[in-house]
Amino acid sequence: QLEALDEAQLDYKGLTADRDRLVAFLADMATAA
């Protein structure tokens, strides 16, 4: 159970990291436009 929870947390952190990169990318595009 603990292992499954850790994997879920890692997946969540990975998703938030991807979202943060996407947000930063869009912000760069907006300021460059």
C-alpha atoms as a PDB file:
ATOM      1  CA  GLN A   1       0.000   0.000   0.000  1.00  0.00           C
ATOM      2  CA  LEU A   2       2.808   2.382   0.858  1.00  0.00           C
ATOM      3  CA  GLU A   3       4.577   1.609  -2.407  1.00  0.00           C
ATOM      4  CA  ALA A   4       1.423   2.352  -4.398  1.00  0.00           C
ATOM      5  CA  LEU A   5       1.021   5.640  -2.542  1.00  0.00           C
ATOM      6  CA  ASP A   6       4.618   6.620  -3.276  1.00  0.00           C
ATOM      7  CA  GLU A   7       4.129   5.850  -6.961  1.00  0.00           C
ATOM      8  CA  ALA A   8       0.953   7.936  -7.043  1.00  0.00           C
ATOM      9  CA  GLN A   9       2.766  10.827  -5.385  1.00  0.00           C
ATOM     10  CA  LEU A  10       5.631  10.578  -7.870  1.00  0.00           C
ATOM     11  CA  ASP A  11       3.164  10.547 -10.771  1.00  0.00           C
ATOM     12  CA  TYR A  12       1.440  13.618  -9.321  1.00  0.00           C
ATOM     13  CA  LYS A  13       4.741  15.460  -8.891  1.00  0.00           C
ATOM     14  CA  GLY A  14       5.658  14.578 -12.460  1.00  0.00           C
ATOM     15  CA  LEU A  15       2.361  15.945 -13.727  1.00  0.00           C
ATOM     16  CA  THR A  16       2.725  19.182 -11.778  1.00  0.00           C
ATOM     17  CA  ALA A  17       6.286  19.574 -13.052  1.00  0.00           C
ATOM     18  CA  ASP A  18       5.050  19.161 -16.634  1.00  0.00           C
ATOM     19  CA  ARG A  19       2.276  21.690 -15.988  1.00  0.00           C
ATOM     20  CA  ASP A  20       4.743  24.174 -14.489  1.00  0.00           C
ATOM     21  CA  ARG A  21       6.968  23.818 -17.573  1.00  0.00           C
ATOM     22  CA  LEU A  22       3.956  24.356 -19.840  1.00  0.00           C
ATOM     23  CA  VAL A  23       2.862  27.440 -17.887  1.00  0.00           C
ATOM     24  CA  ALA A  24       6.382  28.873 -18.041  1.00  0.00           C
ATOM     25  CA  PHE A  25       6.549  28.147 -21.786  1.00  0.00           C
ATOM     26  CA  LEU A  26       3.225  29.884 -22.422  1.00  0.00           C
ATOM     27  CA  ALA A  27       4.335  32.841 -20.298  1.00  0.00           C
ATOM     28  CA  ASP A  28       7.516  33.147 -22.376  1.00  0.00           C
ATOM     29  CA  MET A  29       5.464  33.033 -25.580  1.00  0.00           C
ATOM     30  CA  ALA A  30       3.102  35.715 -24.250  1.00  0.00           C
ATOM     31  CA  THR A  31       5.930  38.091 -23.325  1.00  0.00           C
ATOM     32  CA  ALA A  32       7.723  37.453 -26.635  1.00  0.00           C
ATOM     33  CA  ALA A  33       4.584  38.145 -28.689  1.00  0.00           C
END
